[in-house]
PDB file of N, CA and C in Angstrom:
ATOM      1  N   MET A   1      13.787  73.127 145.548  1.00  0.00           N
ATOM      2  CA  MET A   1      12.717  72.356 144.945  1.00  0.00           C
ATOM      3  C   MET A   1      13.328  71.229 144.098  1.00  0.00           C
ATOM      4  N   VAL A   2      12.842  70.033 144.272  1.00  0.00           N
ATOM      5  CA  VAL A   2      13.325  68.880 143.524  1.00  0.00           C
ATOM      6  C   VAL A   2      12.742  68.909 142.114  1.00  0.00           C
ATOM      7  N   GLN A   3      13.560  68.523 141.148  1.00  0.00           N
ATOM      8  CA  GLN A   3      13.112  68.477 139.758  1.00  0.00           C
ATOM      9  C   GLN A   3      13.031  67.022 139.299  1.00  0.00           C
ATOM     10  N   PHE A   4      12.026  66.721 138.493  1.00  0.00           N
ATOM     11  CA  PHE A   4      11.863  65.384 137.940  1.00  0.00           C
ATOM     12  C   PHE A   4      12.256  65.406 136.474  1.00  0.00           C
ATOM     13  N   VAL A   5      13.044  64.412 136.051  1.00  0.00           N
ATOM     14  CA  VAL A   5      13.493  64.328 134.664  1.00  0.00           C
ATOM     15  C   VAL A   5      13.298  62.899 134.181  1.00  0.00           C
ATOM     16  N   ASN A   6      12.670  62.750 133.045  1.00  0.00           N
ATOM     17  CA  ASN A   6      12.489  61.449 132.428  1.00  0.00           C
ATOM     18  C   ASN A   6      13.830  60.952 131.913  1.00  0.00           C
ATOM     19  N   ILE A   7      14.038  59.662 131.964  1.00  0.00           N
ATOM     20  CA  ILE A   7      15.315  59.078 131.549  1.00  0.00           C
ATOM     21  C   ILE A   7      15.649  59.412 130.099  1.00  0.00           C
ATOM     22  N   ARG A   8      14.644  59.508 129.257  1.00  0.00           N
ATOM     23  CA  ARG A   8      14.879  59.844 127.849  1.00  0.00           C
ATOM     24  C   ARG A   8      15.450  61.257 127.722  1.00  0.00           C
ATOM     25  N   GLU A   9      14.880  62.196 128.483  1.00  0.00           N
ATOM     26  CA  GLU A   9      15.405  63.569 128.470  1.00  0.00           C
ATOM     27  C   GLU A   9      16.832  63.586 129.009  1.00  0.00           C
ATOM     28  N   PHE A  10      17.088  62.792 130.041  1.00  0.00           N
ATOM     29  CA  PHE A  10      18.431  62.740 130.605  1.00  0.00           C
ATOM     30  C   PHE A  10      19.437  62.233 129.584  1.00  0.00           C
ATOM     31  N   LYS A  11      19.046  61.224 128.809  1.00  0.00           N
ATOM     32  CA  LYS A  11      19.949  60.684 127.789  1.00  0.00           C
ATOM     33  C   LYS A  11      20.260  61.716 126.703  1.00  0.00           C
ATOM     34  N   THR A  12      19.263  62.491 126.296  1.00  0.00           N
ATOM     35  CA  THR A  12      19.466  63.426 125.195  1.00  0.00           C
ATOM     36  C   THR A  12      20.011  64.775 125.644  1.00  0.00           C
ATOM     37  N   LYS A  13      19.769  65.141 126.898  1.00  0.00           N
ATOM     38  CA  LYS A  13      20.186  66.464 127.389  1.00  0.00           C
ATOM     39  C   LYS A  13      20.973  66.349 128.694  1.00  0.00           C
ATOM     40  N   THR A  14      21.891  65.422 128.729  1.00  0.00           N
ATOM     41  CA  THR A  14      22.641  65.140 129.954  1.00  0.00           C
ATOM     42  C   THR A  14      23.308  66.384 130.531  1.00  0.00           C
ATOM     43  N   GLU A  15      23.993  67.130 129.700  1.00  0.00           N
ATOM     44  CA  GLU A  15      24.721  68.303 130.193  1.00  0.00           C
ATOM     45  C   GLU A  15      23.778  69.330 130.810  1.00  0.00           C
ATOM     46  N   ALA A  16      22.654  69.588 130.169  1.00  0.00           N
ATOM     47  CA  ALA A  16      21.681  70.550 130.693  1.00  0.00           C
ATOM     48  C   ALA A  16      21.099  70.078 132.026  1.00  0.00           C
ATOM     49  N   VAL A  17      20.827  68.791 132.125  1.00  0.00           N
ATOM     50  CA  VAL A  17      20.286  68.245 133.373  1.00  0.00           C
ATOM     51  C   VAL A  17      21.320  68.365 134.483  1.00  0.00           C
ATOM     52  N   LEU A  18      22.582  68.080 134.180  1.00  0.00           N
ATOM     53  CA  LEU A  18      23.629  68.179 135.197  1.00  0.00           C
ATOM     54  C   LEU A  18      23.821  69.627 135.658  1.00  0.00           C
ATOM     55  N   ARG A  19      23.622  70.582 134.759  1.00  0.00           N
ATOM     56  CA  ARG A  19      23.700  71.996 135.164  1.00  0.00           C
ATOM     57  C   ARG A  19      22.589  72.340 136.159  1.00  0.00           C
ATOM     58  N   ARG A  20      21.454  71.667 136.051  1.00  0.00           N
ATOM     59  CA  ARG A  20      20.343  71.918 136.978  1.00  0.00           C
ATOM     60  C   ARG A  20      20.687  71.533 138.413  1.00  0.00           C
ATOM     61  N   LEU A  21      21.697  70.689 138.581  1.00  0.00           N
ATOM     62  CA  LEU A  21      22.077  70.264 139.923  1.00  0.00           C
ATOM     63  C   LEU A  21      22.564  71.418 140.785  1.00  0.00           C
ATOM     64  N   ASP A  22      22.979  72.534 140.158  1.00  0.00           N
ATOM     65  CA  ASP A  22      23.363  73.716 140.934  1.00  0.00           C
ATOM     66  C   ASP A  22      22.160  74.274 141.685  1.00  0.00           C
ATOM     67  N   GLN A  23      20.963  74.060 141.139  1.00  0.00           N
ATOM     68  CA  GLN A  23      19.748  74.603 141.742  1.00  0.00           C
ATOM     69  C   GLN A  23      19.111  73.642 142.737  1.00  0.00           C
ATOM     70  N   SER A  24      19.062  72.352 142.405  1.00  0.00           N
ATOM     71  CA  SER A  24      18.407  71.377 143.277  1.00  0.00           C
ATOM     72  C   SER A  24      18.751  69.954 142.857  1.00  0.00           C
ATOM     73  N   ASP A  25      18.302  69.011 143.644  1.00  0.00           N
ATOM     74  CA  ASP A  25      18.450  67.599 143.284  1.00  0.00           C
ATOM     75  C   ASP A  25      17.544  67.288 142.104  1.00  0.00           C
ATOM     76  N   VAL A  26      17.905  66.255 141.351  1.00  0.00           N
ATOM     77  CA  VAL A  26      17.109  65.824 140.209  1.00  0.00           C
ATOM     78  C   VAL A  26      16.728  64.359 140.429  1.00  0.00           C
ATOM     79  N   ILE A  27      15.454  64.056 140.269  1.00  0.00           N
ATOM     80  CA  ILE A  27      14.984  62.682 140.368  1.00  0.00           C
ATOM     81  C   ILE A  27      14.744  62.165 138.957  1.00  0.00           C
ATOM     82  N   LEU A  28      15.432  61.070 138.610  1.00  0.00           N
ATOM     83  CA  LEU A  28      15.249  60.448 137.294  1.00  0.00           C
ATOM     84  C   LEU A  28      14.058  59.505 137.364  1.00  0.00           C
ATOM     85  N   THR A  29      13.211  59.587 136.354  1.00  0.00           N
ATOM     86  CA  THR A  29      12.033  58.722 136.315  1.00  0.00           C
ATOM     87  C   THR A  29      12.060  57.850 135.070  1.00  0.00           C
ATOM     88  N   VAL A  30      11.484  56.670 135.208  1.00  0.00           N
ATOM     89  CA  VAL A  30      11.299  55.746 134.083  1.00  0.00           C
ATOM     90  C   VAL A  30       9.812  55.421 134.056  1.00  0.00           C
ATOM     91  N   ARG A  31       9.183  55.780 132.947  1.00  0.00           N
ATOM     92  CA  ARG A  31       7.737  55.589 132.810  1.00  0.00           C
ATOM     93  C   ARG A  31       6.964  56.226 133.953  1.00  0.00           C
ATOM     94  N   GLY A  32       7.448  57.393 134.388  1.00  0.00           N
ATOM     95  CA  GLY A  32       6.759  58.150 135.426  1.00  0.00           C
ATOM     96  C   GLY A  32       7.051  57.719 136.853  1.00  0.00           C
ATOM     97  N   LYS A  33       7.871  56.683 137.033  1.00  0.00           N
ATOM     98  CA  LYS A  33       8.185  56.203 138.377  1.00  0.00           C
ATOM     99  C   LYS A  33       9.617  56.594 138.741  1.00  0.00           C
ATOM    100  N   PRO A  34       9.832  57.145 139.929  1.00  0.00           N
ATOM    101  CA  PRO A  34      11.180  57.530 140.360  1.00  0.00           C
ATOM    102  C   PRO A  34      12.108  56.325 140.419  1.00  0.00           C
ATOM    103  N   LYS A  35      13.319  56.482 139.869  1.00  0.00           N
ATOM    104  CA  LYS A  35      14.287  55.382 139.858  1.00  0.00           C
ATOM    105  C   LYS A  35      15.625  55.750 140.486  1.00  0.00           C
ATOM    106  N   ALA A  36      16.004  57.045 140.418  1.00  0.00           N
ATOM    107  CA  ALA A  36      17.309  57.445 140.948  1.00  0.00           C
ATOM    108  C   ALA A  36      17.298  58.926 141.301  1.00  0.00           C
ATOM    109  N   VAL A  37      18.222  59.300 142.163  1.00  0.00           N
ATOM    110  CA  VAL A  37      18.373  60.702 142.544  1.00  0.00           C
ATOM    111  C   VAL A  37      19.774  61.148 142.158  1.00  0.00           C
ATOM    112  N   LEU A  38      19.853  62.280 141.489  1.00  0.00           N
ATOM    113  CA  LEU A  38      21.149  62.891 141.175  1.00  0.00           C
ATOM    114  C   LEU A  38      21.343  64.048 142.151  1.00  0.00           C
ATOM    115  N   ARG A  39      22.500  64.087 142.772  1.00  0.00           N
ATOM    116  CA  ARG A  39      22.789  65.126 143.753  1.00  0.00           C
ATOM    117  C   ARG A  39      24.191  65.654 143.483  1.00  0.00           C
ATOM    118  N   LYS A  40      24.347  66.948 143.542  1.00  0.00           N
ATOM    119  CA  LYS A  40      25.649  67.565 143.304  1.00  0.00           C
ATOM    120  C   LYS A  40      26.591  67.227 144.460  1.00  0.00           C
ATOM    121  N   ILE A  41      27.841  66.908 144.124  1.00  0.00           N
ATOM    122  CA  ILE A  41      28.854  66.673 145.148  1.00  0.00           C
ATOM    123  C   ILE A  41      30.053  67.557 144.871  1.00  0.00           C
ATOM    124  N   SER A  42      30.853  67.772 145.883  1.00  0.00           N
ATOM    125  CA  SER A  42      32.033  68.616 145.744  1.00  0.00           C
ATOM    126  C   SER A  42      33.291  67.778 145.971  1.00  0.00           C
ATOM    127  N   GLU A  43      34.425  68.371 145.723  1.00  0.00           N
ATOM    128  CA  GLU A  43      35.702  67.686 145.983  1.00  0.00           C
ATOM    129  C   GLU A  43      35.809  67.346 147.471  1.00  0.00           C
ATOM    130  N   ARG A  44      35.291  68.225 148.310  1.00  0.00           N
ATOM    131  CA  ARG A  44      35.314  67.987 149.759  1.00  0.00           C
ATOM    132  C   ARG A  44      34.506  66.738 150.107  1.00  0.00           C
ATOM    133  N   ASP A  45      33.346  66.573 149.475  1.00  0.00           N
ATOM    134  CA  ASP A  45      32.527  65.377 149.706  1.00  0.00           C
ATOM    135  C   ASP A  45      33.311  64.115 149.360  1.00  0.00           C
ATOM    136  N   LEU A  46      34.023  64.153 148.244  1.00  0.00           N
ATOM    137  CA  LEU A  46      34.811  62.993 147.832  1.00  0.00           C
ATOM    138  C   LEU A  46      35.931  62.709 148.823  1.00  0.00           C
ATOM    139  N   ALA A  47      36.570  63.759 149.336  1.00  0.00           N
ATOM    140  CA  ALA A  47      37.643  63.580 150.315  1.00  0.00           C
ATOM    141  C   ALA A  47      37.096  62.946 151.590  1.00  0.00           C
ATOM    142  N   LEU A  48      35.918  63.385 152.021  1.00  0.00           N
ATOM    143  CA  LEU A  48      35.305  62.807 153.210  1.00  0.00           C
ATOM    144  C   LEU A  48      34.955  61.346 152.987  1.00  0.00           C
ATOM    145  N   GLU A  49      34.438  61.015 151.821  1.00  0.00           N
ATOM    146  CA  GLU A  49      34.115  59.630 151.507  1.00  0.00           C
ATOM    147  C   GLU A  49      35.352  58.754 151.593  1.00  0.00           C
ATOM    148  N   GLU A  50      36.440  59.257 151.038  1.00  0.00           N
ATOM    149  CA  GLU A  50      37.675  58.478 151.041  1.00  0.00           C
ATOM    150  C   GLU A  50      38.164  58.257 152.476  1.00  0.00           C
ATOM    151  N   GLU A  51      37.988  59.271 153.311  1.00  0.00           N
ATOM    152  CA  GLU A  51      38.444  59.188 154.693  1.00  0.00           C
ATOM    153  C   GLU A  51      37.595  58.228 155.526  1.00  0.00           C
ATOM    154  N   PHE A  52      36.276  58.264 155.345  1.00  0.00           N
ATOM    155  CA  PHE A  52      35.387  57.494 156.210  1.00  0.00           C
ATOM    156  C   PHE A  52      34.988  56.134 155.654  1.00  0.00           C
ATOM    157  N   ALA A  53      35.205  55.901 154.383  1.00  0.00           N
ATOM    158  CA  ALA A  53      34.826  54.613 153.808  1.00  0.00           C
ATOM    159  C   ALA A  53      35.922  54.126 152.860  1.00  0.00           C
ATOM    160  N   PRO A  54      37.128  53.896 153.379  1.00  0.00           N
ATOM    161  CA  PRO A  54      38.247  53.540 152.494  1.00  0.00           C
ATOM    162  C   PRO A  54      38.046  52.243 151.726  1.00  0.00           C
ATOM    163  N   LYS A  55      37.365  51.268 152.325  1.00  0.00           N
ATOM    164  CA  LYS A  55      37.163  49.997 151.654  1.00  0.00           C
ATOM    165  C   LYS A  55      36.283  50.183 150.409  1.00  0.00           C
ATOM    166  N   GLU A  56      35.180  50.912 150.566  1.00  0.00           N
ATOM    167  CA  GLU A  56      34.287  51.154 149.435  1.00  0.00           C
ATOM    168  C   GLU A  56      34.962  52.043 148.393  1.00  0.00           C
ATOM    169  N   TRP A  57      35.725  53.018 148.856  1.00  0.00           N
ATOM    170  CA  TRP A  57      36.428  53.913 147.940  1.00  0.00           C
ATOM    171  C   TRP A  57      37.405  53.125 147.079  1.00  0.00           C
ATOM    172  N   LYS A  58      38.100  52.178 147.694  1.00  0.00           N
ATOM    173  CA  LYS A  58      39.054  51.349 146.959  1.00  0.00           C
ATOM    174  C   LYS A  58      38.333  50.549 145.869  1.00  0.00           C
ATOM    175  N   LYS A  59      37.134  50.034 146.192  1.00  0.00           N
ATOM    176  CA  LYS A  59      36.352  49.286 145.202  1.00  0.00           C
ATOM    177  C   LYS A  59      35.985  50.184 144.022  1.00  0.00           C
ATOM    178  N   LEU A  60      35.568  51.411 144.319  1.00  0.00           N
ATOM    179  CA  LEU A  60      35.221  52.337 143.247  1.00  0.00           C
ATOM    180  C   LEU A  60      36.425  52.656 142.372  1.00  0.00           C
ATOM    181  N   GLN A  61      37.579  52.815 142.997  1.00  0.00           N
ATOM    182  CA  GLN A  61      38.787  53.094 142.228  1.00  0.00           C
ATOM    183  C   GLN A  61      39.137  51.917 141.325  1.00  0.00           C
ATOM    184  N   MET A  62      38.941  50.692 141.807  1.00  0.00           N
ATOM    185  CA  MET A  62      39.214  49.512 140.975  1.00  0.00           C
ATOM    186  C   MET A  62      38.269  49.483 139.781  1.00  0.00           C
ATOM    187  N   LEU A  63      36.993  49.803 140.017  1.00  0.00           N
ATOM    188  CA  LEU A  63      36.025  49.810 138.925  1.00  0.00           C
ATOM    189  C   LEU A  63      36.335  50.905 137.914  1.00  0.00           C
ATOM    190  N   ALA A  64      36.823  52.047 138.390  1.00  0.00           N
ATOM    191  CA  ALA A  64      37.119  53.166 137.498  1.00  0.00           C
ATOM    192  C   ALA A  64      38.245  52.836 136.528  1.00  0.00           C
ATOM    193  N   LYS A  65      39.072  51.868 136.882  1.00  0.00           N
ATOM    194  CA  LYS A  65      40.171  51.483 136.000  1.00  0.00           C
ATOM    195  C   LYS A  65      39.679  50.684 134.799  1.00  0.00           C
ATOM    196  N   GLU A  66      38.417  50.297 134.826  1.00  0.00           N
ATOM    197  CA  GLU A  66      37.848  49.510 133.742  1.00  0.00           C
ATOM    198  C   GLU A  66      36.648  50.239 133.140  1.00  0.00           C
ATOM    199  N   PRO A  67      36.881  51.372 132.477  1.00  0.00           N
ATOM    200  CA  PRO A  67      35.756  52.123 131.921  1.00  0.00           C
ATOM    201  C   PRO A  67      34.999  51.313 130.878  1.00  0.00           C
ATOM    202  N   GLY A  68      33.722  51.558 130.795  1.00  0.00           N
ATOM    203  CA  GLY A  68      32.905  50.882 129.804  1.00  0.00           C
ATOM    204  C   GLY A  68      32.321  49.563 130.277  1.00  0.00           C
ATOM    205  N   THR A  69      32.676  49.144 131.493  1.00  0.00           N
ATOM    206  CA  THR A  69      32.119  47.907 132.017  1.00  0.00           C
ATOM    207  C   THR A  69      30.682  48.162 132.434  1.00  0.00           C
ATOM    208  N   VAL A  70      29.783  47.334 131.958  1.00  0.00           N
ATOM    209  CA  VAL A  70      28.366  47.477 132.282  1.00  0.00           C
ATOM    210  C   VAL A  70      27.912  46.225 133.012  1.00  0.00           C
ATOM    211  N   TYR A  71      27.179  46.428 134.087  1.00  0.00           N
ATOM    212  CA  TYR A  71      26.679  45.309 134.874  1.00  0.00           C
ATOM    213  C   TYR A  71      25.173  45.244 134.727  1.00  0.00           C
ATOM    214  N   LYS A  72      24.665  44.063 134.453  1.00  0.00           N
ATOM    215  CA  LYS A  72      23.217  43.885 134.321  1.00  0.00           C
ATOM    216  C   LYS A  72      22.551  43.812 135.693  1.00  0.00           C
ATOM    217  N   THR A  73      23.291  43.341 136.700  1.00  0.00           N
ATOM    218  CA  THR A  73      22.732  43.225 138.045  1.00  0.00           C
ATOM    219  C   THR A  73      23.779  43.636 139.070  1.00  0.00           C
ATOM    220  N   ALA A  74      23.318  43.938 140.272  1.00  0.00           N
ATOM    221  CA  ALA A  74      24.235  44.258 141.364  1.00  0.00           C
ATOM    222  C   ALA A  74      25.077  43.038 141.713  1.00  0.00           C
ATOM    223  N   THR A  75      24.500  41.863 141.585  1.00  0.00           N
ATOM    224  CA  THR A  75      25.231  40.628 141.871  1.00  0.00           C
ATOM    225  C   THR A  75      26.407  40.473 140.913  1.00  0.00           C
ATOM    226  N   GLY A  76      26.192  40.810 139.656  1.00  0.00           N
ATOM    227  CA  GLY A  76      27.276  40.741 138.679  1.00  0.00           C
ATOM    228  C   GLY A  76      28.409  41.690 139.036  1.00  0.00           C
ATOM    229  N   MET A  77      28.064  42.877 139.505  1.00  0.00           N
ATOM    230  CA  MET A  77      29.083  43.844 139.904  1.00  0.00           C
ATOM    231  C   MET A  77      29.845  43.324 141.120  1.00  0.00           C
ATOM    232  N   LYS A  78      29.145  42.752 142.090  1.00  0.00           N
ATOM    233  CA  LYS A  78      29.804  42.223 143.288  1.00  0.00           C
ATOM    234  C   LYS A  78      30.771  41.101 142.923  1.00  0.00           C
ATOM    235  N   ARG A  79      30.330  40.217 142.025  1.00  0.00           N
ATOM    236  CA  ARG A  79      31.196  39.128 141.580  1.00  0.00           C
ATOM    237  C   ARG A  79      32.472  39.679 140.952  1.00  0.00           C
ATOM    238  N   HIS A  80      32.305  40.696 140.107  1.00  0.00           N
ATOM    239  CA  HIS A  80      33.446  41.310 139.435  1.00  0.00           C
ATOM    240  C   HIS A  80      34.395  41.927 140.460  1.00  0.00           C
ATOM    241  N   LEU A  81      33.856  42.614 141.445  1.00  0.00           N
ATOM    242  CA  LEU A  81      34.698  43.216 142.492  1.00  0.00           C
ATOM    243  C   LEU A  81      35.470  42.165 143.259  1.00  0.00           C
ATOM    244  N   ARG A  82      34.821  41.046 143.555  1.00  0.00           N
ATOM    245  CA  ARG A  82      35.525  39.974 144.262  1.00  0.00           C
ATOM    246  C   ARG A  82      36.690  39.454 143.439  1.00  0.00           C
ATOM    247  N   ARG A  83      36.470  39.323 142.116  1.00  0.00           N
ATOM    248  CA  ARG A  83      37.558  38.865 141.239  1.00  0.00           C
ATOM    249  C   ARG A  83      38.712  39.868 141.233  1.00  0.00           C
ATOM    250  N   LEU A  84      38.376  41.159 141.192  1.00  0.00           N
ATOM    251  CA  LEU A  84      39.421  42.186 141.176  1.00  0.00           C
ATOM    252  C   LEU A  84      40.209  42.208 142.489  1.00  0.00           C
ATOM    253  N   ALA A  85      39.555  41.917 143.588  1.00  0.00           N
ATOM    254  CA  ALA A  85      40.188  41.988 144.897  1.00  0.00           C
ATOM    255  C   ALA A  85      41.168  40.841 145.135  1.00  0.00           C
ATOM    256  N   ARG A  86      41.101  39.791 144.337  1.00  0.00           N
ATOM    257  CA  ARG A  86      41.990  38.632 144.540  1.00  0.00           C
ATOM    258  C   ARG A  86      43.417  38.952 144.197  1.00  0.00           C
TER     259      ARG A  86
END
């Protein structure tokens, strides 16, 4: 069964919400409207991702080297990735 969690609850009770992922997927809502899905992944899932999508995986690894970077738009993130790839 899918669980719905308001973004405010997610911000204040992140750890508890993440523990719920053992039971089912969690849909994050903003003002009652679904905005994102949280799904549990395993180390095996990550290994498969790296194997089948190396280009995207490399981009994620580049972004991970810069913790705390926040993007206001997807376009801003793409621009940043292009700069990193140079």
